[in-house]
Amino acid sequence: MWENQSRLWKEVKALRLEQERMRRYMVSGFRELSKTLGVAFEDHVAAFLEETLVIGETTVSIRSIDEAEREVMKIVEEK
């Protein structure tokens, strides 16, 4: 009985590890998809704005506080 219980717990642990691996894989995939769609969207909009003067920048994702501060400083320095 103890042997079977030990085997079951090992299987549960393996399933949990696999579940965490799949979660990380999915998060990574969605992050890449988001980046890809952001670039595609910007390219799509640019095609319609060829004859219009547009000054600005869009940041699709910010990964850290430091990156956010750098993006804000770009705007402040341009003024």
Foldseek 3Di string as FASTA:
>chain_A
DVVVVVVVVVVVVVVVVVVVVVVVVVVVVVVVVQVVVVVVVVVVVCVVCVPPDDDDDDDSDDDDPVSVVVVVVVVVVVD
